[in-house]
Amino acid sequence: MYSEIKWKNYRRRSKYGNKDSKYDGQIYHSKFESKVAQDLDLQLKAKEIKKWDRQVKISLDVNGMHICNYYIDFVVEHNDGIIEYIEAKGFKTQLWRVKWKIFEALYRYKENVKLTIIKL
């Protein structure tokens, strides 16, 4: 009976109930994240921002030692030169909180940098 399951069509449910969402040919981790991408595109078309990128890998290094990698949801370059790191969050895990604190400690006081968490 179990061997009759079509494994190629089987998709494991997300741990936190989010569903992947597609926008502009890209797959986002949640509908909320794709909505933020749509908003950023509108800001780009209105020339309120210079450019934006998604799922940017950031190496978290402390005193020359690599701790871990952090993938920020969005990086926005504003017209005035400020770089904004945006995290679209629905559910905050313990691991995310630790990585965010390290990220904050490394980037919070840098010149022309803004950190933003957008909550669902």
PDB file of N, CA and C in Angstrom:
ATOM      1  N   MET A   1       0.812  -1.186   0.000  1.00  0.00           N
ATOM      2  CA  MET A   1       0.000   0.000   0.000  1.00  0.00           C
ATOM      3  C   MET A   1       0.866   1.266   0.000  1.00  0.00           C
ATOM      4  N   TYR A   2       1.904   1.309   0.851  1.00  0.00           N
ATOM      5  CA  TYR A   2       2.753   2.487   0.919  1.00  0.00           C
ATOM      6  C   TYR A   2       3.595   2.666  -0.331  1.00  0.00           C
ATOM      7  N   SER A   3       3.897   1.583  -1.013  1.00  0.00           N
ATOM      8  CA  SER A   3       4.724   1.687  -2.213  1.00  0.00           C
ATOM      9  C   SER A   3       3.958   2.325  -3.366  1.00  0.00           C
ATOM     10  N   GLU A   4       2.646   2.443  -3.223  1.00  0.00           N
ATOM     11  CA  GLU A   4       1.847   3.036  -4.285  1.00  0.00           C
ATOM     12  C   GLU A   4       1.844   4.560  -4.231  1.00  0.00           C
ATOM     13  N   ILE A   5       2.413   5.141  -3.185  1.00  0.00           N
ATOM     14  CA  ILE A   5       2.442   6.594  -3.061  1.00  0.00           C
ATOM     15  C   ILE A   5       3.359   7.165  -4.139  1.00  0.00           C
ATOM     16  N   LYS A   6       2.888   8.175  -4.804  1.00  0.00           N
ATOM     17  CA  LYS A   6       3.698   8.820  -5.832  1.00  0.00           C
ATOM     18  C   LYS A   6       4.588   9.846  -5.154  1.00  0.00           C
ATOM     19  N   TRP A   7       5.842   9.481  -4.889  1.00  0.00           N
ATOM     20  CA  TRP A   7       6.753  10.326  -4.137  1.00  0.00           C
ATOM     21  C   TRP A   7       7.112  11.612  -4.865  1.00  0.00           C
ATOM     22  N   LYS A   8       7.076  11.594  -6.199  1.00  0.00           N
ATOM     23  CA  LYS A   8       7.436  12.809  -6.909  1.00  0.00           C
ATOM     24  C   LYS A   8       6.394  13.914  -6.698  1.00  0.00           C
ATOM     25  N   ASN A   9       5.161  13.550  -6.367  1.00  0.00           N
ATOM     26  CA  ASN A   9       4.120  14.540  -6.118  1.00  0.00           C
ATOM     27  C   ASN A   9       3.972  14.857  -4.636  1.00  0.00           C
ATOM     28  N   TYR A  10       4.702  14.150  -3.810  1.00  0.00           N
ATOM     29  CA  TYR A  10       4.608  14.351  -2.369  1.00  0.00           C
ATOM     30  C   TYR A  10       5.377  15.597  -1.985  1.00  0.00           C
ATOM     31  N   ARG A  11       4.742  16.459  -1.250  1.00  0.00           N
ATOM     32  CA  ARG A  11       5.418  17.671  -0.776  1.00  0.00           C
ATOM     33  C   ARG A  11       5.200  17.788   0.712  1.00  0.00           C
ATOM     34  N   ARG A  12       6.294  17.895   1.429  1.00  0.00           N
ATOM     35  CA  ARG A  12       6.229  18.001   2.878  1.00  0.00           C
ATOM     36  C   ARG A  12       5.653  19.353   3.275  1.00  0.00           C
ATOM     37  N   ARG A  13       4.785  19.349   4.256  1.00  0.00           N
ATOM     38  CA  ARG A  13       4.191  20.583   4.752  1.00  0.00           C
ATOM     39  C   ARG A  13       5.232  21.424   5.452  1.00  0.00           C
ATOM     40  N   SER A  14       5.121  22.721   5.300  1.00  0.00           N
ATOM     41  CA  SER A  14       6.048  23.629   5.944  1.00  0.00           C
ATOM     42  C   SER A  14       5.882  23.571   7.456  1.00  0.00           C
ATOM     43  N   LYS A  15       6.991  23.676   8.151  1.00  0.00           N
ATOM     44  CA  LYS A  15       6.984  23.598   9.608  1.00  0.00           C
ATOM     45  C   LYS A  15       6.144  24.710  10.243  1.00  0.00           C
ATOM     46  N   TYR A  16       6.131  25.889   9.617  1.00  0.00           N
ATOM     47  CA  TYR A  16       5.438  27.032  10.203  1.00  0.00           C
ATOM     48  C   TYR A  16       4.182  27.427   9.419  1.00  0.00           C
ATOM     49  N   GLY A  17       3.771  26.610   8.475  1.00  0.00           N
ATOM     50  CA  GLY A  17       2.525  26.839   7.760  1.00  0.00           C
ATOM     51  C   GLY A  17       2.624  27.808   6.589  1.00  0.00           C
ATOM     52  N   ASN A  18       3.826  28.309   6.295  1.00  0.00           N
ATOM     53  CA  ASN A  18       3.942  29.218   5.159  1.00  0.00           C
ATOM     54  C   ASN A  18       3.939  28.434   3.857  1.00  0.00           C
ATOM     55  N   LYS A  19       3.489  29.089   2.808  1.00  0.00           N
ATOM     56  CA  LYS A  19       3.458  28.459   1.490  1.00  0.00           C
ATOM     57  C   LYS A  19       4.288  29.301   0.538  1.00  0.00           C
ATOM     58  N   ASP A  20       5.086  28.603  -0.283  1.00  0.00           N
ATOM     59  CA  ASP A  20       5.880  29.316  -1.274  1.00  0.00           C
ATOM     60  C   ASP A  20       4.953  30.113  -2.180  1.00  0.00           C
ATOM     61  N   SER A  21       5.455  31.244  -2.630  1.00  0.00           N
ATOM     62  CA  SER A  21       4.671  32.118  -3.487  1.00  0.00           C
ATOM     63  C   SER A  21       5.549  32.572  -4.640  1.00  0.00           C
ATOM     64  N   LYS A  22       4.966  32.645  -5.831  1.00  0.00           N
ATOM     65  CA  LYS A  22       5.731  33.042  -7.005  1.00  0.00           C
ATOM     66  C   LYS A  22       5.325  34.453  -7.406  1.00  0.00           C
ATOM     67  N   TYR A  23       6.341  35.263  -7.654  1.00  0.00           N
ATOM     68  CA  TYR A  23       6.113  36.624  -8.140  1.00  0.00           C
ATOM     69  C   TYR A  23       7.229  36.983  -9.107  1.00  0.00           C
ATOM     70  N   ASP A  24       6.868  37.464 -10.261  1.00  0.00           N
ATOM     71  CA  ASP A  24       7.817  37.928 -11.269  1.00  0.00           C
ATOM     72  C   ASP A  24       8.874  36.869 -11.608  1.00  0.00           C
ATOM     73  N   GLY A  25       8.442  35.617 -11.664  1.00  0.00           N
ATOM     74  CA  GLY A  25       9.342  34.526 -12.028  1.00  0.00           C
ATOM     75  C   GLY A  25      10.224  34.018 -10.907  1.00  0.00           C
ATOM     76  N   GLN A  26      10.115  34.591  -9.716  1.00  0.00           N
ATOM     77  CA  GLN A  26      10.914  34.182  -8.565  1.00  0.00           C
ATOM     78  C   GLN A  26      10.020  33.506  -7.528  1.00  0.00           C
ATOM     79  N   ILE A  27      10.567  32.528  -6.835  1.00  0.00           N
ATOM     80  CA  ILE A  27       9.822  31.855  -5.769  1.00  0.00           C
ATOM     81  C   ILE A  27      10.279  32.412  -4.433  1.00  0.00           C
ATOM     82  N   TYR A  28       9.313  32.856  -3.642  1.00  0.00           N
ATOM     83  CA  TYR A  28       9.573  33.410  -2.315  1.00  0.00           C
ATOM     84  C   TYR A  28       9.094  32.423  -1.264  1.00  0.00           C
ATOM     85  N   HIS A  29       9.646  32.529  -0.062  1.00  0.00           N
ATOM     86  CA  HIS A  29       9.341  31.583   1.012  1.00  0.00           C
ATOM     87  C   HIS A  29       7.933  31.725   1.564  1.00  0.00           C
ATOM     88  N   SER A  30       7.292  32.856   1.321  1.00  0.00           N
ATOM     89  CA  SER A  30       5.935  33.062   1.827  1.00  0.00           C
ATOM     90  C   SER A  30       5.214  34.086   0.963  1.00  0.00           C
ATOM     91  N   LYS A  31       3.904  34.130   1.109  1.00  0.00           N
ATOM     92  CA  LYS A  31       3.103  35.134   0.409  1.00  0.00           C
ATOM     93  C   LYS A  31       3.466  36.526   0.908  1.00  0.00           C
ATOM     94  N   PHE A  32       3.757  36.626   2.194  1.00  0.00           N
ATOM     95  CA  PHE A  32       4.128  37.892   2.797  1.00  0.00           C
ATOM     96  C   PHE A  32       5.419  38.430   2.173  1.00  0.00           C
ATOM     97  N   GLU A  33       6.392  37.552   1.983  1.00  0.00           N
ATOM     98  CA  GLU A  33       7.665  37.942   1.396  1.00  0.00           C
ATOM     99  C   GLU A  33       7.478  38.394  -0.060  1.00  0.00           C
ATOM    100  N   SER A  34       6.631  37.699  -0.804  1.00  0.00           N
ATOM    101  CA  SER A  34       6.390  38.113  -2.193  1.00  0.00           C
ATOM    102  C   SER A  34       5.651  39.447  -2.245  1.00  0.00           C
ATOM    103  N   LYS A  35       4.811  39.727  -1.250  1.00  0.00           N
ATOM    104  CA  LYS A  35       4.115  41.014  -1.168  1.00  0.00           C
ATOM    105  C   LYS A  35       5.122  42.144  -0.935  1.00  0.00           C
ATOM    106  N   VAL A  36       6.112  41.905  -0.085  1.00  0.00           N
ATOM    107  CA  VAL A  36       7.162  42.903   0.151  1.00  0.00           C
ATOM    108  C   VAL A  36       7.933  43.152  -1.151  1.00  0.00           C
ATOM    109  N   ALA A  37       8.203  42.099  -1.921  1.00  0.00           N
ATOM    110  CA  ALA A  37       8.895  42.235  -3.206  1.00  0.00           C
ATOM    111  C   ALA A  37       8.058  43.080  -4.171  1.00  0.00           C
ATOM    112  N   GLN A  38       6.761  42.870  -4.188  1.00  0.00           N
ATOM    113  CA  GLN A  38       5.876  43.669  -5.048  1.00  0.00           C
ATOM    114  C   GLN A  38       5.932  45.143  -4.649  1.00  0.00           C
ATOM    115  N   ASP A  39       5.915  45.405  -3.352  1.00  0.00           N
ATOM    116  CA  ASP A  39       5.992  46.782  -2.851  1.00  0.00           C
ATOM    117  C   ASP A  39       7.325  47.436  -3.252  1.00  0.00           C
ATOM    118  N   LEU A  40       8.402  46.668  -3.172  1.00  0.00           N
ATOM    119  CA  LEU A  40       9.716  47.200  -3.565  1.00  0.00           C
ATOM    120  C   LEU A  40       9.753  47.503  -5.062  1.00  0.00           C
ATOM    121  N   ASP A  41       9.114  46.659  -5.864  1.00  0.00           N
ATOM    122  CA  ASP A  41       9.040  46.921  -7.300  1.00  0.00           C
ATOM    123  C   ASP A  41       8.269  48.210  -7.594  1.00  0.00           C
ATOM    124  N   LEU A  42       7.195  48.437  -6.855  1.00  0.00           N
ATOM    125  CA  LEU A  42       6.432  49.674  -7.033  1.00  0.00           C
ATOM    126  C   LEU A  42       7.276  50.893  -6.666  1.00  0.00           C
ATOM    127  N   GLN A  43       8.046  50.787  -5.587  1.00  0.00           N
ATOM    128  CA  GLN A  43       8.931  51.882  -5.183  1.00  0.00           C
ATOM    129  C   GLN A  43      10.014  52.133  -6.238  1.00  0.00           C
ATOM    130  N   LEU A  44      10.493  51.042  -6.845  1.00  0.00           N
ATOM    131  CA  LEU A  44      11.516  51.157  -7.890  1.00  0.00           C
ATOM    132  C   LEU A  44      10.944  51.859  -9.123  1.00  0.00           C
ATOM    133  N   LYS A  45       9.743  51.483  -9.528  1.00  0.00           N
ATOM    134  CA  LYS A  45       9.095  52.105 -10.688  1.00  0.00           C
ATOM    135  C   LYS A  45       8.789  53.578 -10.431  1.00  0.00           C
ATOM    136  N   ALA A  46       8.484  53.908  -9.185  1.00  0.00           N
ATOM    137  CA  ALA A  46       8.202  55.297  -8.817  1.00  0.00           C
ATOM    138  C   ALA A  46       9.493  56.078  -8.556  1.00  0.00           C
ATOM    139  N   LYS A  47      10.645  55.414  -8.728  1.00  0.00           N
ATOM    140  CA  LYS A  47      11.976  56.003  -8.524  1.00  0.00           C
ATOM    141  C   LYS A  47      12.180  56.506  -7.097  1.00  0.00           C
ATOM    142  N   GLU A  48      11.530  55.827  -6.139  1.00  0.00           N
ATOM    143  CA  GLU A  48      11.740  56.149  -4.725  1.00  0.00           C
ATOM    144  C   GLU A  48      12.996  55.474  -4.187  1.00  0.00           C
ATOM    145  N   ILE A  49      13.397  54.374  -4.841  1.00  0.00           N
ATOM    146  CA  ILE A  49      14.624  53.661  -4.487  1.00  0.00           C
ATOM    147  C   ILE A  49      15.439  53.432  -5.754  1.00  0.00           C
ATOM    148  N   LYS A  50      16.746  53.203  -5.581  1.00  0.00           N
ATOM    149  CA  LYS A  50      17.628  53.007  -6.732  1.00  0.00           C
ATOM    150  C   LYS A  50      17.565  51.572  -7.248  1.00  0.00           C
ATOM    151  N   LYS A  51      17.678  50.600  -6.315  1.00  0.00           N
ATOM    152  CA  LYS A  51      17.598  49.183  -6.695  1.00  0.00           C
ATOM    153  C   LYS A  51      17.389  48.330  -5.455  1.00  0.00           C
ATOM    154  N   TRP A  52      17.020  47.071  -5.672  1.00  0.00           N
ATOM    155  CA  TRP A  52      16.868  46.132  -4.571  1.00  0.00           C
ATOM    156  C   TRP A  52      17.242  44.733  -5.051  1.00  0.00           C
ATOM    157  N   ASP A  53      17.617  43.885  -4.084  1.00  0.00           N
ATOM    158  CA  ASP A  53      17.987  42.501  -4.377  1.00  0.00           C
ATOM    159  C   ASP A  53      17.389  41.607  -3.298  1.00  0.00           C
ATOM    160  N   ARG A  54      17.243  40.325  -3.596  1.00  0.00           N
ATOM    161  CA  ARG A  54      16.612  39.387  -2.653  1.00  0.00           C
ATOM    162  C   ARG A  54      17.563  38.269  -2.265  1.00  0.00           C
ATOM    163  N   GLN A  55      17.316  37.701  -1.086  1.00  0.00           N
ATOM    164  CA  GLN A  55      18.076  36.546  -0.579  1.00  0.00           C
ATOM    165  C   GLN A  55      19.587  36.748  -0.738  1.00  0.00           C
ATOM    166  N   VAL A  56      20.089  37.788  -0.113  1.00  0.00           N
ATOM    167  CA  VAL A  56      21.507  38.123  -0.188  1.00  0.00           C
ATOM    168  C   VAL A  56      22.249  37.418   0.944  1.00  0.00           C
ATOM    169  N   LYS A  57      23.319  36.721   0.573  1.00  0.00           N
ATOM    170  CA  LYS A  57      24.124  35.992   1.548  1.00  0.00           C
ATOM    171  C   LYS A  57      25.091  36.952   2.230  1.00  0.00           C
ATOM    172  N   ILE A  58      25.047  36.949   3.566  1.00  0.00           N
ATOM    173  CA  ILE A  58      25.933  37.795   4.356  1.00  0.00           C
ATOM    174  C   ILE A  58      26.724  36.891   5.292  1.00  0.00           C
ATOM    175  N   SER A  59      28.037  37.006   5.217  1.00  0.00           N
ATOM    176  CA  SER A  59      28.907  36.220   6.088  1.00  0.00           C
ATOM    177  C   SER A  59      29.031  36.932   7.431  1.00  0.00           C
ATOM    178  N   LEU A  60      28.683  36.244   8.501  1.00  0.00           N
ATOM    179  CA  LEU A  60      28.793  36.818   9.838  1.00  0.00           C
ATOM    180  C   LEU A  60      30.126  36.372  10.444  1.00  0.00           C
ATOM    181  N   ASP A  61      31.078  37.300  10.459  1.00  0.00           N
ATOM    182  CA  ASP A  61      32.426  37.029  10.954  1.00  0.00           C
ATOM    183  C   ASP A  61      32.710  37.931  12.148  1.00  0.00           C
ATOM    184  N   VAL A  62      33.209  37.344  13.226  1.00  0.00           N
ATOM    185  CA  VAL A  62      33.537  38.095  14.436  1.00  0.00           C
ATOM    186  C   VAL A  62      35.013  37.860  14.762  1.00  0.00           C
ATOM    187  N   ASN A  63      35.763  38.951  14.892  1.00  0.00           N
ATOM    188  CA  ASN A  63      37.211  38.886  15.191  1.00  0.00           C
ATOM    189  C   ASN A  63      37.955  37.942  14.244  1.00  0.00           C
ATOM    190  N   GLY A  64      37.607  37.998  12.978  1.00  0.00           N
ATOM    191  CA  GLY A  64      38.278  37.183  11.972  1.00  0.00           C
ATOM    192  C   GLY A  64      37.815  35.741  11.916  1.00  0.00           C
ATOM    193  N   MET A  65      36.854  35.364  12.751  1.00  0.00           N
ATOM    194  CA  MET A  65      36.346  33.984  12.759  1.00  0.00           C
ATOM    195  C   MET A  65      34.951  33.937  12.125  1.00  0.00           C
ATOM    196  N   HIS A  66      34.786  33.038  11.165  1.00  0.00           N
ATOM    197  CA  HIS A  66      33.488  32.868  10.514  1.00  0.00           C
ATOM    198  C   HIS A  66      32.531  32.147  11.472  1.00  0.00           C
ATOM    199  N   ILE A  67      31.431  32.802  11.799  1.00  0.00           N
ATOM    200  CA  ILE A  67      30.429  32.215  12.693  1.00  0.00           C
ATOM    201  C   ILE A  67      29.390  31.445  11.884  1.00  0.00           C
ATOM    202  N   CYS A  68      28.771  32.124  10.919  1.00  0.00           N
ATOM    203  CA  CYS A  68      27.760  31.483  10.077  1.00  0.00           C
ATOM    204  C   CYS A  68      27.420  32.419   8.926  1.00  0.00           C
ATOM    205  N   ASN A  69      26.590  31.944   8.021  1.00  0.00           N
ATOM    206  CA  ASN A  69      26.066  32.778   6.947  1.00  0.00           C
ATOM    207  C   ASN A  69      24.634  33.150   7.294  1.00  0.00           C
ATOM    208  N   TYR A  70      24.242  34.336   6.881  1.00  0.00           N
ATOM    209  CA  TYR A  70      22.887  34.819   7.111  1.00  0.00           C
ATOM    210  C   TYR A  70      22.330  35.274   5.771  1.00  0.00           C
ATOM    211  N   TYR A  71      21.153  34.803   5.439  1.00  0.00           N
ATOM    212  CA  TYR A  71      20.513  35.201   4.189  1.00  0.00           C
ATOM    213  C   TYR A  71      19.413  36.198   4.518  1.00  0.00           C
ATOM    214  N   ILE A  72      19.675  37.456   4.198  1.00  0.00           N
ATOM    215  CA  ILE A  72      18.707  38.508   4.459  1.00  0.00           C
ATOM    216  C   ILE A  72      17.694  38.499   3.314  1.00  0.00           C
ATOM    217  N   ASP A  73      16.436  38.767   3.630  1.00  0.00           N
ATOM    218  CA  ASP A  73      15.387  38.702   2.615  1.00  0.00           C
ATOM    219  C   ASP A  73      15.598  39.721   1.495  1.00  0.00           C
ATOM    220  N   PHE A  74      15.867  40.980   1.864  1.00  0.00           N
ATOM    221  CA  PHE A  74      16.004  42.024   0.854  1.00  0.00           C
ATOM    222  C   PHE A  74      17.096  43.018   1.249  1.00  0.00           C
ATOM    223  N   VAL A  75      17.815  43.501   0.235  1.00  0.00           N
ATOM    224  CA  VAL A  75      18.762  44.599   0.410  1.00  0.00           C
ATOM    225  C   VAL A  75      18.333  45.688  -0.566  1.00  0.00           C
ATOM    226  N   VAL A  76      18.086  46.894  -0.021  1.00  0.00           N
ATOM    227  CA  VAL A  76      17.589  48.014  -0.819  1.00  0.00           C
ATOM    228  C   VAL A  76      18.626  49.125  -0.819  1.00  0.00           C
ATOM    229  N   GLU A  77      18.930  49.633  -2.010  1.00  0.00           N
ATOM    230  CA  GLU A  77      19.800  50.805  -2.117  1.00  0.00           C
ATOM    231  C   GLU A  77      18.910  52.013  -2.387  1.00  0.00           C
ATOM    232  N   HIS A  78      18.893  52.941  -1.436  1.00  0.00           N
ATOM    233  CA  HIS A  78      18.066  54.140  -1.567  1.00  0.00           C
ATOM    234  C   HIS A  78      18.779  55.185  -2.415  1.00  0.00           C
ATOM    235  N   ASN A  79      18.025  56.154  -2.895  1.00  0.00           N
ATOM    236  CA  ASN A  79      18.569  57.206  -3.755  1.00  0.00           C
ATOM    237  C   ASN A  79      19.621  58.054  -3.039  1.00  0.00           C
ATOM    238  N   ASP A  80      19.519  58.154  -1.721  1.00  0.00           N
ATOM    239  CA  ASP A  80      20.478  58.961  -0.956  1.00  0.00           C
ATOM    240  C   ASP A  80      21.728  58.174  -0.529  1.00  0.00           C
ATOM    241  N   GLY A  81      21.858  56.926  -1.014  1.00  0.00           N
ATOM    242  CA  GLY A  81      23.040  56.125  -0.728  1.00  0.00           C
ATOM    243  C   GLY A  81      22.922  55.205   0.473  1.00  0.00           C
ATOM    244  N   ILE A  82      21.833  55.300   1.204  1.00  0.00           N
ATOM    245  CA  ILE A  82      21.631  54.428   2.364  1.00  0.00           C
ATOM    246  C   ILE A  82      21.302  53.013   1.885  1.00  0.00           C
ATOM    247  N   ILE A  83      21.941  52.034   2.502  1.00  0.00           N
ATOM    248  CA  ILE A  83      21.670  50.624   2.225  1.00  0.00           C
ATOM    249  C   ILE A  83      20.769  50.112   3.352  1.00  0.00           C
ATOM    250  N   GLU A  84      19.610  49.596   2.975  1.00  0.00           N
ATOM    251  CA  GLU A  84      18.653  49.085   3.956  1.00  0.00           C
ATOM    252  C   GLU A  84      18.556  47.572   3.828  1.00  0.00           C
ATOM    253  N   TYR A  85      18.729  46.891   4.956  1.00  0.00           N
ATOM    254  CA  TYR A  85      18.584  45.439   5.023  1.00  0.00           C
ATOM    255  C   TYR A  85      17.203  45.158   5.601  1.00  0.00           C
ATOM    256  N   ILE A  86      16.392  44.432   4.834  1.00  0.00           N
ATOM    257  CA  ILE A  86      15.010  44.187   5.242  1.00  0.00           C
ATOM    258  C   ILE A  86      14.783  42.697   5.463  1.00  0.00           C
ATOM    259  N   GLU A  87      14.209  42.381   6.599  1.00  0.00           N
ATOM    260  CA  GLU A  87      13.819  41.008   6.940  1.00  0.00           C
ATOM    261  C   GLU A  87      12.298  40.993   7.068  1.00  0.00           C
ATOM    262  N   ALA A  88      11.630  40.187   6.246  1.00  0.00           N
ATOM    263  CA  ALA A  88      10.176  40.029   6.306  1.00  0.00           C
ATOM    264  C   ALA A  88       9.886  38.812   7.165  1.00  0.00           C
ATOM    265  N   LYS A  89       9.321  39.024   8.356  1.00  0.00           N
ATOM    266  CA  LYS A  89       9.177  37.944   9.325  1.00  0.00           C
ATOM    267  C   LYS A  89       7.729  37.696   9.705  1.00  0.00           C
ATOM    268  N   GLY A  90       7.368  36.444   9.681  1.00  0.00           N
ATOM    269  CA  GLY A  90       6.077  36.021  10.183  1.00  0.00           C
ATOM    270  C   GLY A  90       6.239  35.340  11.531  1.00  0.00           C
ATOM    271  N   PHE A  91       7.229  34.451  11.613  1.00  0.00           N
ATOM    272  CA  PHE A  91       7.480  33.686  12.833  1.00  0.00           C
ATOM    273  C   PHE A  91       8.969  33.759  13.147  1.00  0.00           C
ATOM    274  N   LYS A  92       9.282  34.159  14.362  1.00  0.00           N
ATOM    275  CA  LYS A  92      10.682  34.308  14.770  1.00  0.00           C
ATOM    276  C   LYS A  92      11.151  33.061  15.518  1.00  0.00           C
ATOM    277  N   THR A  93      12.072  32.327  14.898  1.00  0.00           N
ATOM    278  CA  THR A  93      12.636  31.146  15.557  1.00  0.00           C
ATOM    279  C   THR A  93      13.790  31.572  16.455  1.00  0.00           C
ATOM    280  N   GLN A  94      14.177  30.685  17.338  1.00  0.00           N
ATOM    281  CA  GLN A  94      15.286  30.970  18.243  1.00  0.00           C
ATOM    282  C   GLN A  94      16.589  31.143  17.459  1.00  0.00           C
ATOM    283  N   LEU A  95      16.800  30.293  16.449  1.00  0.00           N
ATOM    284  CA  LEU A  95      18.005  30.400  15.625  1.00  0.00           C
ATOM    285  C   LEU A  95      18.034  31.742  14.888  1.00  0.00           C
ATOM    286  N   TRP A  96      16.897  32.155  14.341  1.00  0.00           N
ATOM    287  CA  TRP A  96      16.842  33.441  13.651  1.00  0.00           C
ATOM    288  C   TRP A  96      17.188  34.581  14.606  1.00  0.00           C
ATOM    289  N   ARG A  97      16.667  34.534  15.825  1.00  0.00           N
ATOM    290  CA  ARG A  97      16.934  35.598  16.800  1.00  0.00           C
ATOM    291  C   ARG A  97      18.434  35.729  17.079  1.00  0.00           C
ATOM    292  N   VAL A  98      19.127  34.600  17.209  1.00  0.00           N
ATOM    293  CA  VAL A  98      20.570  34.618  17.478  1.00  0.00           C
ATOM    294  C   VAL A  98      21.316  35.206  16.279  1.00  0.00           C
ATOM    295  N   LYS A  99      20.989  34.743  15.073  1.00  0.00           N
ATOM    296  CA  LYS A  99      21.658  35.258  13.885  1.00  0.00           C
ATOM    297  C   LYS A  99      21.378  36.744  13.698  1.00  0.00           C
ATOM    298  N   TRP A 100      20.143  37.167  13.967  1.00  0.00           N
ATOM    299  CA  TRP A 100      19.801  38.581  13.822  1.00  0.00           C
ATOM    300  C   TRP A 100      20.596  39.432  14.811  1.00  0.00           C
ATOM    301  N   LYS A 101      20.768  38.943  16.041  1.00  0.00           N
ATOM    302  CA  LYS A 101      21.540  39.701  17.041  1.00  0.00           C
ATOM    303  C   LYS A 101      22.998  39.858  16.609  1.00  0.00           C
ATOM    304  N   ILE A 102      23.581  38.809  16.045  1.00  0.00           N
ATOM    305  CA  ILE A 102      24.951  38.901  15.540  1.00  0.00           C
ATOM    306  C   ILE A 102      25.000  39.895  14.377  1.00  0.00           C
ATOM    307  N   PHE A 103      24.044  39.773  13.469  1.00  0.00           N
ATOM    308  CA  PHE A 103      23.960  40.672  12.321  1.00  0.00           C
ATOM    309  C   PHE A 103      23.817  42.126  12.784  1.00  0.00           C
ATOM    310  N   GLU A 104      22.938  42.342  13.759  1.00  0.00           N
ATOM    311  CA  GLU A 104      22.735  43.682  14.316  1.00  0.00           C
ATOM    312  C   GLU A 104      24.028  44.233  14.925  1.00  0.00           C
ATOM    313  N   ALA A 105      24.715  43.417  15.692  1.00  0.00           N
ATOM    314  CA  ALA A 105      25.952  43.844  16.341  1.00  0.00           C
ATOM    315  C   ALA A 105      27.008  44.255  15.320  1.00  0.00           C
ATOM    316  N   LEU A 106      27.034  43.581  14.175  1.00  0.00           N
ATOM    317  CA  LEU A 106      28.038  43.876  13.154  1.00  0.00           C
ATOM    318  C   LEU A 106      27.660  45.059  12.261  1.00  0.00           C
ATOM    319  N   TYR A 107      26.351  45.291  12.044  1.00  0.00           N
ATOM    320  CA  TYR A 107      25.932  46.267  11.042  1.00  0.00           C
ATOM    321  C   TYR A 107      25.183  47.490  11.578  1.00  0.00           C
ATOM    322  N   ARG A 108      24.684  47.447  12.791  1.00  0.00           N
ATOM    323  CA  ARG A 108      23.822  48.514  13.309  1.00  0.00           C
ATOM    324  C   ARG A 108      24.479  49.894  13.256  1.00  0.00           C
ATOM    325  N   TYR A 109      25.729  50.000  13.613  1.00  0.00           N
ATOM    326  CA  TYR A 109      26.376  51.304  13.733  1.00  0.00           C
ATOM    327  C   TYR A 109      27.227  51.685  12.521  1.00  0.00           C
ATOM    328  N   LYS A 110      27.092  50.938  11.441  1.00  0.00           N
ATOM    329  CA  LYS A 110      27.821  51.312  10.226  1.00  0.00           C
ATOM    330  C   LYS A 110      27.146  52.519   9.593  1.00  0.00           C
ATOM    331  N   GLU A 111      27.966  53.347   8.994  1.00  0.00           N
ATOM    332  CA  GLU A 111      27.446  54.550   8.349  1.00  0.00           C
ATOM    333  C   GLU A 111      26.635  54.175   7.109  1.00  0.00           C
ATOM    334  N   ASN A 112      25.540  54.875   6.893  1.00  0.00           N
ATOM    335  CA  ASN A 112      24.662  54.685   5.743  1.00  0.00           C
ATOM    336  C   ASN A 112      24.015  53.299   5.674  1.00  0.00           C
ATOM    337  N   VAL A 113      23.760  52.681   6.834  1.00  0.00           N
ATOM    338  CA  VAL A 113      23.110  51.371   6.898  1.00  0.00           C
ATOM    339  C   VAL A 113      21.874  51.464   7.763  1.00  0.00           C
ATOM    340  N   LYS A 114      20.803  50.843   7.303  1.00  0.00           N
ATOM    341  CA  LYS A 114      19.546  50.807   8.062  1.00  0.00           C
ATOM    342  C   LYS A 114      19.072  49.366   8.126  1.00  0.00           C
ATOM    343  N   LEU A 115      18.676  48.909   9.309  1.00  0.00           N
ATOM    344  CA  LEU A 115      18.161  47.545   9.490  1.00  0.00           C
ATOM    345  C   LEU A 115      16.663  47.628   9.770  1.00  0.00           C
ATOM    346  N   THR A 116      15.879  46.810   9.058  1.00  0.00           N
ATOM    347  CA  THR A 116      14.427  46.849   9.195  1.00  0.00           C
ATOM    348  C   THR A 116      13.867  45.434   9.277  1.00  0.00           C
ATOM    349  N   ILE A 117      12.952  45.240  10.237  1.00  0.00           N
ATOM    350  CA  ILE A 117      12.184  43.999  10.304  1.00  0.00           C
ATOM    351  C   ILE A 117      10.735  44.362  10.008  1.00  0.00           C
ATOM    352  N   ILE A 118      10.172  43.740   8.987  1.00  0.00           N
ATOM    353  CA  ILE A 118       8.760  43.954   8.667  1.00  0.00           C
ATOM    354  C   ILE A 118       8.003  42.756   9.206  1.00  0.00           C
ATOM    355  N   LYS A 119       7.108  42.997  10.148  1.00  0.00           N
ATOM    356  CA  LYS A 119       6.364  41.914  10.801  1.00  0.00           C
ATOM    357  C   LYS A 119       5.034  41.681  10.100  1.00  0.00           C
ATOM    358  N   LEU A 120       4.675  40.424  10.041  1.00  0.00           N
ATOM    359  CA  LEU A 120       3.403  40.023   9.448  1.00  0.00           C
ATOM    360  C   LEU A 120       2.264  40.429  10.356  1.00  0.00           C
TER     361      LEU A 120
END
